[in-house]
Amino acid sequence: MAKSGKESTFGERLRTRRIAKGISAKELDRRSGLHEGHVAMIERGDRKNPNGETVVKLARALECDLVWLLTGDKHEDKEYERYRSAKLRRQAAK
């Protein structure tokens, strides 16, 4: 994780949002119309630069801000913020 507190890679942001939405990688593949296993490959970093169409499909399926998914900036989703705050509290408690 980046020192600024935001996820540093597209794959990390994708995983964080997917978990916050409570869906599996396989389900996100299905919802976004991607081949099975594609989301897992992105999250692991095996696919570092997904094409624009893939990014748009994922942002729509995750109901999240496209700019945030691409860059980590400007995310205003209340559900995500609650999840993120809880995650940071858990990490601080360790």
Foldseek 3Di string as FASTA:
>chain_A
DDPVLFDAALLVLLVLLCVLVPHDQQVLCVQLVHDGPPSVCCNVVVDRDDDPSSLVSSCVSSVWDSCCSHGVPDTDDPSSVVSSVVVVVVVVVD
